[in-house]
Amino acid sequence: AALAEPQPLTAPAADPYGVLPRNNAEM
């Protein structure tokens, strides 16, 4: 009830340590 946003909820995901670019480069 406390969640006003419709389902499903979408949000940006912060990547301050560059986890995704590092893994992409290594893979």
mmCIF file of all heavy atoms, coordinates in Angstrom:
data_MODEL
# 
_entry.id   MODEL 
# 
loop_
_atom_site.group_PDB 
_atom_site.id 
_atom_site.type_symbol 
_atom_site.label_atom_id 
_atom_site.label_alt_id 
_atom_site.label_comp_id 
_atom_site.label_asym_id 
_atom_site.label_entity_id 
_atom_site.label_seq_id 
_atom_site.pdbx_PDB_ins_code 
_atom_site.Cartn_x 
_atom_site.Cartn_y 
_atom_site.Cartn_z 
_atom_site.occupancy 
_atom_site.B_iso_or_equiv 
_atom_site.pdbx_formal_charge 
_atom_site.auth_seq_id 
_atom_site.auth_comp_id 
_atom_site.auth_asym_id 
_atom_site.auth_atom_id 
_atom_site.pdbx_PDB_model_num 
ATOM 1   N N   . ALA A 1 1  ? 0.826  -1.214  0.000   1.00 0.00 ? 1  ALA A N   1 
ATOM 2   C CA  . ALA A 1 1  ? 0.000  0.000   0.000   1.00 0.00 ? 1  ALA A CA  1 
ATOM 3   C C   . ALA A 1 1  ? 0.851  1.251   0.000   1.00 0.00 ? 1  ALA A C   1 
ATOM 4   O O   . ALA A 1 1  ? 0.470  2.281   -0.530  1.00 0.00 ? 1  ALA A O   1 
ATOM 5   C CB  . ALA A 1 1  ? -0.932 -0.021  1.219   1.00 0.00 ? 1  ALA A CB  1 
ATOM 6   N N   . ALA A 1 2  ? 2.055  1.188   0.630   1.00 0.00 ? 2  ALA A N   1 
ATOM 7   C CA  . ALA A 1 2  ? 2.887  2.380   0.733   1.00 0.00 ? 2  ALA A CA  1 
ATOM 8   C C   . ALA A 1 2  ? 3.631  2.686   -0.556  1.00 0.00 ? 2  ALA A C   1 
ATOM 9   O O   . ALA A 1 2  ? 4.262  3.719   -0.674  1.00 0.00 ? 2  ALA A O   1 
ATOM 10  C CB  . ALA A 1 2  ? 3.904  2.201   1.874   1.00 0.00 ? 2  ALA A CB  1 
ATOM 11  N N   . LEU A 1 3  ? 3.571  1.798   -1.505  1.00 0.00 ? 3  LEU A N   1 
ATOM 12  C CA  . LEU A 1 3  ? 4.317  1.983   -2.743  1.00 0.00 ? 3  LEU A CA  1 
ATOM 13  C C   . LEU A 1 3  ? 3.391  2.539   -3.804  1.00 0.00 ? 3  LEU A C   1 
ATOM 14  O O   . LEU A 1 3  ? 2.477  1.864   -4.270  1.00 0.00 ? 3  LEU A O   1 
ATOM 15  C CB  . LEU A 1 3  ? 4.905  0.638   -3.190  1.00 0.00 ? 3  LEU A CB  1 
ATOM 16  C CG  . LEU A 1 3  ? 5.970  0.697   -4.286  1.00 0.00 ? 3  LEU A CG  1 
ATOM 17  C CD1 . LEU A 1 3  ? 7.198  1.423   -3.775  1.00 0.00 ? 3  LEU A CD1 1 
ATOM 18  C CD2 . LEU A 1 3  ? 6.335  -0.701  -4.727  1.00 0.00 ? 3  LEU A CD2 1 
ATOM 19  N N   . ALA A 1 4  ? 3.629  3.817   -4.150  1.00 0.00 ? 4  ALA A N   1 
ATOM 20  C CA  . ALA A 1 4  ? 2.725  4.490   -5.075  1.00 0.00 ? 4  ALA A CA  1 
ATOM 21  C C   . ALA A 1 4  ? 3.027  4.147   -6.530  1.00 0.00 ? 4  ALA A C   1 
ATOM 22  O O   . ALA A 1 4  ? 2.164  4.256   -7.385  1.00 0.00 ? 4  ALA A O   1 
ATOM 23  C CB  . ALA A 1 4  ? 2.817  6.003   -4.874  1.00 0.00 ? 4  ALA A CB  1 
ATOM 24  N N   . GLU A 1 5  ? 4.293  3.772   -6.830  1.00 0.00 ? 5  GLU A N   1 
ATOM 25  C CA  . GLU A 1 5  ? 4.672  3.517   -8.215  1.00 0.00 ? 5  GLU A CA  1 
ATOM 26  C C   . GLU A 1 5  ? 3.984  2.265   -8.757  1.00 0.00 ? 5  GLU A C   1 
ATOM 27  O O   . GLU A 1 5  ? 3.754  1.311   -8.007  1.00 0.00 ? 5  GLU A O   1 
ATOM 28  C CB  . GLU A 1 5  ? 6.193  3.352   -8.310  1.00 0.00 ? 5  GLU A CB  1 
ATOM 29  C CG  . GLU A 1 5  ? 6.945  4.675   -8.309  1.00 0.00 ? 5  GLU A CG  1 
ATOM 30  C CD  . GLU A 1 5  ? 6.889  5.355   -6.959  1.00 0.00 ? 5  GLU A CD  1 
ATOM 31  O OE1 . GLU A 1 5  ? 6.502  4.704   -5.974  1.00 0.00 ? 5  GLU A OE1 1 
ATOM 32  O OE2 . GLU A 1 5  ? 7.204  6.542   -6.895  1.00 0.00 ? 5  GLU A OE2 1 
ATOM 33  N N   . PRO A 1 6  ? 3.693  2.251   -10.030 1.00 0.00 ? 6  PRO A N   1 
ATOM 34  C CA  . PRO A 1 6  ? 3.081  1.049   -10.619 1.00 0.00 ? 6  PRO A CA  1 
ATOM 35  C C   . PRO A 1 6  ? 4.079  -0.106  -10.659 1.00 0.00 ? 6  PRO A C   1 
ATOM 36  O O   . PRO A 1 6  ? 5.278  0.092   -10.582 1.00 0.00 ? 6  PRO A O   1 
ATOM 37  C CB  . PRO A 1 6  ? 2.709  1.516   -12.036 1.00 0.00 ? 6  PRO A CB  1 
ATOM 38  C CG  . PRO A 1 6  ? 3.658  2.630   -12.328 1.00 0.00 ? 6  PRO A CG  1 
ATOM 39  C CD  . PRO A 1 6  ? 3.891  3.325   -11.021 1.00 0.00 ? 6  PRO A CD  1 
ATOM 40  N N   . GLN A 1 7  ? 3.551  -1.314  -10.777 1.00 0.00 ? 7  GLN A N   1 
ATOM 41  C CA  . GLN A 1 7  ? 4.399  -2.497  -10.866 1.00 0.00 ? 7  GLN A CA  1 
ATOM 42  C C   . GLN A 1 7  ? 4.601  -2.846  -12.360 1.00 0.00 ? 7  GLN A C   1 
ATOM 43  O O   . GLN A 1 7  ? 3.663  -2.715  -13.147 1.00 0.00 ? 7  GLN A O   1 
ATOM 44  C CB  . GLN A 1 7  ? 3.722  -3.670  -10.149 1.00 0.00 ? 7  GLN A CB  1 
ATOM 45  C CG  . GLN A 1 7  ? 3.219  -3.347  -8.761  1.00 0.00 ? 7  GLN A CG  1 
ATOM 46  C CD  . GLN A 1 7  ? 4.327  -3.049  -7.774  1.00 0.00 ? 7  GLN A CD  1 
ATOM 47  O OE1 . GLN A 1 7  ? 5.422  -3.547  -7.936  1.00 0.00 ? 7  GLN A OE1 1 
ATOM 48  N NE2 . GLN A 1 7  ? 4.061  -2.238  -6.784  1.00 0.00 ? 7  GLN A NE2 1 
ATOM 49  N N   . PRO A 1 8  ? 5.756  -3.333  -12.760 1.00 0.00 ? 8  PRO A N   1 
ATOM 50  C CA  . PRO A 1 8  ? 6.968  -3.428  -11.962 1.00 0.00 ? 8  PRO A CA  1 
ATOM 51  C C   . PRO A 1 8  ? 7.665  -2.075  -11.828 1.00 0.00 ? 8  PRO A C   1 
ATOM 52  O O   . PRO A 1 8  ? 7.345  -1.141  -12.567 1.00 0.00 ? 8  PRO A O   1 
ATOM 53  C CB  . PRO A 1 8  ? 7.829  -4.396  -12.768 1.00 0.00 ? 8  PRO A CB  1 
ATOM 54  C CG  . PRO A 1 8  ? 7.414  -4.128  -14.182 1.00 0.00 ? 8  PRO A CG  1 
ATOM 55  C CD  . PRO A 1 8  ? 5.929  -3.842  -14.122 1.00 0.00 ? 8  PRO A CD  1 
ATOM 56  N N   . LEU A 1 9  ? 8.584  -1.982  -10.910 1.00 0.00 ? 9  LEU A N   1 
ATOM 57  C CA  . LEU A 1 9  ? 9.328  -0.751  -10.653 1.00 0.00 ? 9  LEU A CA  1 
ATOM 58  C C   . LEU A 1 9  ? 10.668 -0.810  -11.366 1.00 0.00 ? 9  LEU A C   1 
ATOM 59  O O   . LEU A 1 9  ? 11.360 -1.824  -11.315 1.00 0.00 ? 9  LEU A O   1 
ATOM 60  C CB  . LEU A 1 9  ? 9.534  -0.580  -9.147  1.00 0.00 ? 9  LEU A CB  1 
ATOM 61  C CG  . LEU A 1 9  ? 10.342 0.644   -8.708  1.00 0.00 ? 9  LEU A CG  1 
ATOM 62  C CD1 . LEU A 1 9  ? 9.574  1.921   -9.038  1.00 0.00 ? 9  LEU A CD1 1 
ATOM 63  C CD2 . LEU A 1 9  ? 10.625 0.579   -7.216  1.00 0.00 ? 9  LEU A CD2 1 
ATOM 64  N N   . THR A 1 10 ? 11.018 0.261   -12.069 1.00 0.00 ? 10 THR A N   1 
ATOM 65  C CA  . THR A 1 10 ? 12.306 0.349   -12.754 1.00 0.00 ? 10 THR A CA  1 
ATOM 66  C C   . THR A 1 10 ? 13.108 1.496   -12.176 1.00 0.00 ? 10 THR A C   1 
ATOM 67  O O   . THR A 1 10 ? 12.577 2.578   -11.944 1.00 0.00 ? 10 THR A O   1 
ATOM 68  C CB  . THR A 1 10 ? 12.112 0.562   -14.265 1.00 0.00 ? 10 THR A CB  1 
ATOM 69  O OG1 . THR A 1 10 ? 11.368 -0.542  -14.800 1.00 0.00 ? 10 THR A OG1 1 
ATOM 70  C CG2 . THR A 1 10 ? 13.451 0.636   -14.979 1.00 0.00 ? 10 THR A CG2 1 
ATOM 71  N N   . ALA A 1 11 ? 14.401 1.256   -11.924 1.00 0.00 ? 11 ALA A N   1 
ATOM 72  C CA  . ALA A 1 11 ? 15.260 2.283   -11.328 1.00 0.00 ? 11 ALA A CA  1 
ATOM 73  C C   . ALA A 1 11 ? 16.645 2.199   -11.952 1.00 0.00 ? 11 ALA A C   1 
ATOM 74  O O   . ALA A 1 11 ? 17.093 1.120   -12.350 1.00 0.00 ? 11 ALA A O   1 
ATOM 75  C CB  . ALA A 1 11 ? 15.346 2.081   -9.811  1.00 0.00 ? 11 ALA A CB  1 
ATOM 76  N N   . PRO A 1 12 ? 17.355 3.332   -12.043 1.00 0.00 ? 12 PRO A N   1 
ATOM 77  C CA  . PRO A 1 12 ? 18.746 3.277   -12.505 1.00 0.00 ? 12 PRO A CA  1 
ATOM 78  C C   . PRO A 1 12 ? 19.609 2.569   -11.467 1.00 0.00 ? 12 PRO A C   1 
ATOM 79  O O   . PRO A 1 12 ? 19.323 2.626   -10.270 1.00 0.00 ? 12 PRO A O   1 
ATOM 80  C CB  . PRO A 1 12 ? 19.140 4.752   -12.640 1.00 0.00 ? 12 PRO A CB  1 
ATOM 81  C CG  . PRO A 1 12 ? 18.204 5.480   -11.725 1.00 0.00 ? 12 PRO A CG  1 
ATOM 82  C CD  . PRO A 1 12 ? 16.921 4.708   -11.728 1.00 0.00 ? 12 PRO A CD  1 
ATOM 83  N N   . ALA A 1 13 ? 20.646 1.905   -11.923 1.00 0.00 ? 13 ALA A N   1 
ATOM 84  C CA  . ALA A 1 13 ? 21.547 1.177   -11.024 1.00 0.00 ? 13 ALA A CA  1 
ATOM 85  C C   . ALA A 1 13 ? 22.936 1.807   -11.091 1.00 0.00 ? 13 ALA A C   1 
ATOM 86  O O   . ALA A 1 13 ? 23.591 1.787   -12.136 1.00 0.00 ? 13 ALA A O   1 
ATOM 87  C CB  . ALA A 1 13 ? 21.609 -0.301  -11.411 1.00 0.00 ? 13 ALA A CB  1 
ATOM 88  N N   . ALA A 1 14 ? 23.370 2.380   -9.980  1.00 0.00 ? 14 ALA A N   1 
ATOM 89  C CA  . ALA A 1 14 ? 24.688 3.020   -9.925  1.00 0.00 ? 14 ALA A CA  1 
ATOM 90  C C   . ALA A 1 14 ? 25.783 1.952   -9.887  1.00 0.00 ? 14 ALA A C   1 
ATOM 91  O O   . ALA A 1 14 ? 25.635 0.907   -9.260  1.00 0.00 ? 14 ALA A O   1 
ATOM 92  C CB  . ALA A 1 14 ? 24.775 3.903   -8.686  1.00 0.00 ? 14 ALA A CB  1 
ATOM 93  N N   . ASP A 1 15 ? 26.880 2.243   -10.568 1.00 0.00 ? 15 ASP A N   1 
ATOM 94  C CA  . ASP A 1 15 ? 28.017 1.308   -10.618 1.00 0.00 ? 15 ASP A CA  1 
ATOM 95  C C   . ASP A 1 15 ? 29.297 2.079   -10.302 1.00 0.00 ? 15 ASP A C   1 
ATOM 96  O O   . ASP A 1 15 ? 30.162 2.266   -11.165 1.00 0.00 ? 15 ASP A O   1 
ATOM 97  C CB  . ASP A 1 15 ? 28.086 0.653   -12.008 1.00 0.00 ? 15 ASP A CB  1 
ATOM 98  C CG  . ASP A 1 15 ? 29.122 -0.471  -12.080 1.00 0.00 ? 15 ASP A CG  1 
ATOM 99  O OD1 . ASP A 1 15 ? 29.706 -0.810  -11.036 1.00 0.00 ? 15 ASP A OD1 1 
ATOM 100 O OD2 . ASP A 1 15 ? 29.345 -0.995  -13.185 1.00 0.00 ? 15 ASP A OD2 1 
ATOM 101 N N   . PRO A 1 16 ? 29.455 2.549   -9.052  1.00 0.00 ? 16 PRO A N   1 
ATOM 102 C CA  . PRO A 1 16 ? 30.576 3.438   -8.728  1.00 0.00 ? 16 PRO A CA  1 
ATOM 103 C C   . PRO A 1 16 ? 31.939 2.775   -8.842  1.00 0.00 ? 16 PRO A C   1 
ATOM 104 O O   . PRO A 1 16 ? 32.951 3.465   -8.995  1.00 0.00 ? 16 PRO A O   1 
ATOM 105 C CB  . PRO A 1 16 ? 30.288 3.854   -7.278  1.00 0.00 ? 16 PRO A CB  1 
ATOM 106 C CG  . PRO A 1 16 ? 29.444 2.752   -6.723  1.00 0.00 ? 16 PRO A CG  1 
ATOM 107 C CD  . PRO A 1 16 ? 28.604 2.289   -7.875  1.00 0.00 ? 16 PRO A CD  1 
ATOM 108 N N   . TYR A 1 17 ? 32.014 1.454   -8.754  1.00 0.00 ? 17 TYR A N   1 
ATOM 109 C CA  . TYR A 1 17 ? 33.304 0.768   -8.816  1.00 0.00 ? 17 TYR A CA  1 
ATOM 110 C C   . TYR A 1 17 ? 33.592 0.175   -10.197 1.00 0.00 ? 17 TYR A C   1 
ATOM 111 O O   . TYR A 1 17 ? 34.579 -0.530  -10.378 1.00 0.00 ? 17 TYR A O   1 
ATOM 112 C CB  . TYR A 1 17 ? 33.354 -0.343  -7.760  1.00 0.00 ? 17 TYR A CB  1 
ATOM 113 C CG  . TYR A 1 17 ? 33.069 0.165   -6.373  1.00 0.00 ? 17 TYR A CG  1 
ATOM 114 C CD1 . TYR A 1 17 ? 31.875 -0.174  -5.726  1.00 0.00 ? 17 TYR A CD1 1 
ATOM 115 C CD2 . TYR A 1 17 ? 33.952 1.009   -5.711  1.00 0.00 ? 17 TYR A CD2 1 
ATOM 116 C CE1 . TYR A 1 17 ? 31.594 0.301   -4.453  1.00 0.00 ? 17 TYR A CE1 1 
ATOM 117 C CE2 . TYR A 1 17 ? 33.677 1.492   -4.441  1.00 0.00 ? 17 TYR A CE2 1 
ATOM 118 C CZ  . TYR A 1 17 ? 32.491 1.131   -3.820  1.00 0.00 ? 17 TYR A CZ  1 
ATOM 119 O OH  . TYR A 1 17 ? 32.212 1.615   -2.568  1.00 0.00 ? 17 TYR A OH  1 
ATOM 120 N N   . GLY A 1 18 ? 32.749 0.460   -11.167 1.00 0.00 ? 18 GLY A N   1 
ATOM 121 C CA  . GLY A 1 18 ? 32.987 -0.040  -12.524 1.00 0.00 ? 18 GLY A CA  1 
ATOM 122 C C   . GLY A 1 18 ? 32.940 -1.546  -12.622 1.00 0.00 ? 18 GLY A C   1 
ATOM 123 O O   . GLY A 1 18 ? 33.684 -2.152  -13.397 1.00 0.00 ? 18 GLY A O   1 
ATOM 124 N N   . VAL A 1 19 ? 32.034 -2.188  -11.885 1.00 0.00 ? 19 VAL A N   1 
ATOM 125 C CA  . VAL A 1 19 ? 31.937 -3.646  -11.883 1.00 0.00 ? 19 VAL A CA  1 
ATOM 126 C C   . VAL A 1 19 ? 31.569 -4.177  -13.263 1.00 0.00 ? 19 VAL A C   1 
ATOM 127 O O   . VAL A 1 19 ? 32.177 -5.138  -13.760 1.00 0.00 ? 19 VAL A O   1 
ATOM 128 C CB  . VAL A 1 19 ? 30.908 -4.109  -10.825 1.00 0.00 ? 19 VAL A CB  1 
ATOM 129 C CG1 . VAL A 1 19 ? 30.590 -5.593  -10.983 1.00 0.00 ? 19 VAL A CG1 1 
ATOM 130 C CG2 . VAL A 1 19 ? 31.434 -3.823  -9.424  1.00 0.00 ? 19 VAL A CG2 1 
ATOM 131 N N   . LEU A 1 20 ? 30.579 -3.565  -13.903 1.00 0.00 ? 20 LEU A N   1 
ATOM 132 C CA  . LEU A 1 20 ? 30.132 -4.077  -15.204 1.00 0.00 ? 20 LEU A CA  1 
ATOM 133 C C   . LEU A 1 20 ? 31.176 -3.859  -16.302 1.00 0.00 ? 20 LEU A C   1 
ATOM 134 O O   . LEU A 1 20 ? 31.468 -4.794  -17.063 1.00 0.00 ? 20 LEU A O   1 
ATOM 135 C CB  . LEU A 1 20 ? 28.793 -3.453  -15.587 1.00 0.00 ? 20 LEU A CB  1 
ATOM 136 C CG  . LEU A 1 20 ? 27.612 -3.788  -14.657 1.00 0.00 ? 20 LEU A CG  1 
ATOM 137 C CD1 . LEU A 1 20 ? 26.323 -3.180  -15.190 1.00 0.00 ? 20 LEU A CD1 1 
ATOM 138 C CD2 . LEU A 1 20 ? 27.454 -5.292  -14.484 1.00 0.00 ? 20 LEU A CD2 1 
ATOM 139 N N   . PRO A 1 21 ? 31.782 -2.669  -16.436 1.00 0.00 ? 21 PRO A N   1 
ATOM 140 C CA  . PRO A 1 21 ? 32.828 -2.521  -17.459 1.00 0.00 ? 21 PRO A CA  1 
ATOM 141 C C   . PRO A 1 21 ? 34.008 -3.457  -17.226 1.00 0.00 ? 21 PRO A C   1 
ATOM 142 O O   . PRO A 1 21 ? 34.564 -4.011  -18.185 1.00 0.00 ? 21 PRO A O   1 
ATOM 143 C CB  . PRO A 1 21 ? 33.256 -1.054  -17.323 1.00 0.00 ? 21 PRO A CB  1 
ATOM 144 C CG  . PRO A 1 21 ? 32.088 -0.368  -16.715 1.00 0.00 ? 21 PRO A CG  1 
ATOM 145 C CD  . PRO A 1 21 ? 31.452 -1.367  -15.808 1.00 0.00 ? 21 PRO A CD  1 
ATOM 146 N N   . ARG A 1 22 ? 34.403 -3.652  -15.975 1.00 0.00 ? 22 ARG A N   1 
ATOM 147 C CA  . ARG A 1 22 ? 35.545 -4.539  -15.696 1.00 0.00 ? 22 ARG A CA  1 
ATOM 148 C C   . ARG A 1 22 ? 35.227 -5.980  -16.092 1.00 0.00 ? 22 ARG A C   1 
ATOM 149 O O   . ARG A 1 22 ? 36.033 -6.648  -16.739 1.00 0.00 ? 22 ARG A O   1 
ATOM 150 C CB  . ARG A 1 22 ? 35.922 -4.468  -14.216 1.00 0.00 ? 22 ARG A CB  1 
ATOM 151 C CG  . ARG A 1 22 ? 36.982 -5.482  -13.814 1.00 0.00 ? 22 ARG A CG  1 
ATOM 152 C CD  . ARG A 1 22 ? 37.442 -5.283  -12.394 1.00 0.00 ? 22 ARG A CD  1 
ATOM 153 N NE  . ARG A 1 22 ? 36.361 -5.220  -11.441 1.00 0.00 ? 22 ARG A NE  1 
ATOM 154 C CZ  . ARG A 1 22 ? 35.685 -6.273  -10.996 1.00 0.00 ? 22 ARG A CZ  1 
ATOM 155 N NH1 . ARG A 1 22 ? 35.955 -7.481  -11.467 1.00 0.00 ? 22 ARG A NH1 1 
ATOM 156 N NH2 . ARG A 1 22 ? 34.726 -6.130  -10.096 1.00 0.00 ? 22 ARG A NH2 1 
ATOM 157 N N   . ASN A 1 23 ? 34.067 -6.455  -15.700 1.00 0.00 ? 23 ASN A N   1 
ATOM 158 C CA  . ASN A 1 23 ? 33.699 -7.823  -16.052 1.00 0.00 ? 23 ASN A CA  1 
ATOM 159 C C   . ASN A 1 23 ? 33.529 -7.991  -17.554 1.00 0.00 ? 23 ASN A C   1 
ATOM 160 O O   . ASN A 1 23 ? 33.915 -9.023  -18.124 1.00 0.00 ? 23 ASN A O   1 
ATOM 161 C CB  . ASN A 1 23 ? 32.423 -8.233  -15.319 1.00 0.00 ? 23 ASN A CB  1 
ATOM 162 C CG  . ASN A 1 23 ? 32.686 -8.698  -13.901 1.00 0.00 ? 23 ASN A CG  1 
ATOM 163 O OD1 . ASN A 1 23 ? 32.980 -9.862  -13.653 1.00 0.00 ? 23 ASN A OD1 1 
ATOM 164 N ND2 . ASN A 1 23 ? 32.594 -7.774  -12.949 1.00 0.00 ? 23 ASN A ND2 1 
ATOM 165 N N   . ASN A 1 24 ? 32.942 -6.988  -18.214 1.00 0.00 ? 24 ASN A N   1 
ATOM 166 C CA  . ASN A 1 24 ? 32.804 -7.045  -19.666 1.00 0.00 ? 24 ASN A CA  1 
ATOM 167 C C   . ASN A 1 24 ? 34.174 -7.156  -20.330 1.00 0.00 ? 24 ASN A C   1 
ATOM 168 O O   . ASN A 1 24 ? 34.390 -7.987  -21.240 1.00 0.00 ? 24 ASN A O   1 
ATOM 169 C CB  . ASN A 1 24 ? 32.060 -5.811  -20.168 1.00 0.00 ? 24 ASN A CB  1 
ATOM 170 C CG  . ASN A 1 24 ? 32.087 -5.689  -21.685 1.00 0.00 ? 24 ASN A CG  1 
ATOM 171 O OD1 . ASN A 1 24 ? 33.034 -5.165  -22.256 1.00 0.00 ? 24 ASN A OD1 1 
ATOM 172 N ND2 . ASN A 1 24 ? 31.036 -6.158  -22.336 1.00 0.00 ? 24 ASN A ND2 1 
ATOM 173 N N   . ALA A 1 25 ? 35.126 -6.318  -19.887 1.00 0.00 ? 25 ALA A N   1 
ATOM 174 C CA  . ALA A 1 25 ? 36.460 -6.329  -20.489 1.00 0.00 ? 25 ALA A CA  1 
ATOM 175 C C   . ALA A 1 25 ? 37.152 -7.668  -20.282 1.00 0.00 ? 25 ALA A C   1 
ATOM 176 O O   . ALA A 1 25 ? 37.760 -8.227  -21.204 1.00 0.00 ? 25 ALA A O   1 
ATOM 177 C CB  . ALA A 1 25 ? 37.299 -5.201  -19.893 1.00 0.00 ? 25 ALA A CB  1 
ATOM 178 N N   . GLU A 1 26 ? 37.053 -8.213  -19.070 1.00 0.00 ? 26 GLU A N   1 
ATOM 179 C CA  . GLU A 1 26 ? 37.719 -9.475  -18.787 1.00 0.00 ? 26 GLU A CA  1 
ATOM 180 C C   . GLU A 1 26 ? 37.073 -10.637 -19.544 1.00 0.00 ? 26 GLU A C   1 
ATOM 181 O O   . GLU A 1 26 ? 37.770 -11.521 -20.065 1.00 0.00 ? 26 GLU A O   1 
ATOM 182 C CB  . GLU A 1 26 ? 37.708 -9.735  -17.284 1.00 0.00 ? 26 GLU A CB  1 
ATOM 183 C CG  . GLU A 1 26 ? 38.579 -8.754  -16.505 1.00 0.00 ? 26 GLU A CG  1 
ATOM 184 C CD  . GLU A 1 26 ? 38.520 -8.990  -15.009 1.00 0.00 ? 26 GLU A CD  1 
ATOM 185 O OE1 . GLU A 1 26 ? 37.742 -9.875  -14.564 1.00 0.00 ? 26 GLU A OE1 1 
ATOM 186 O OE2 . GLU A 1 26 ? 39.241 -8.288  -14.281 1.00 0.00 ? 26 GLU A OE2 1 
ATOM 187 N N   . MET A 1 27 ? 35.744 -10.633 -19.636 1.00 0.00 ? 27 MET A N   1 
ATOM 188 C CA  . MET A 1 27 ? 35.054 -11.725 -20.325 1.00 0.00 ? 27 MET A CA  1 
ATOM 189 C C   . MET A 1 27 ? 35.276 -11.658 -21.836 1.00 0.00 ? 27 MET A C   1 
ATOM 190 O O   . MET A 1 27 ? 35.428 -12.696 -22.503 1.00 0.00 ? 27 MET A O   1 
ATOM 191 C CB  . MET A 1 27 ? 33.568 -11.692 -19.974 1.00 0.00 ? 27 MET A CB  1 
ATOM 192 C CG  . MET A 1 27 ? 33.298 -12.002 -18.503 1.00 0.00 ? 27 MET A CG  1 
ATOM 193 S SD  . MET A 1 27 ? 31.584 -11.702 -17.989 1.00 0.00 ? 27 MET A SD  1 
ATOM 194 C CE  . MET A 1 27 ? 30.760 -13.116 -18.741 1.00 0.00 ? 27 MET A CE  1 
# 
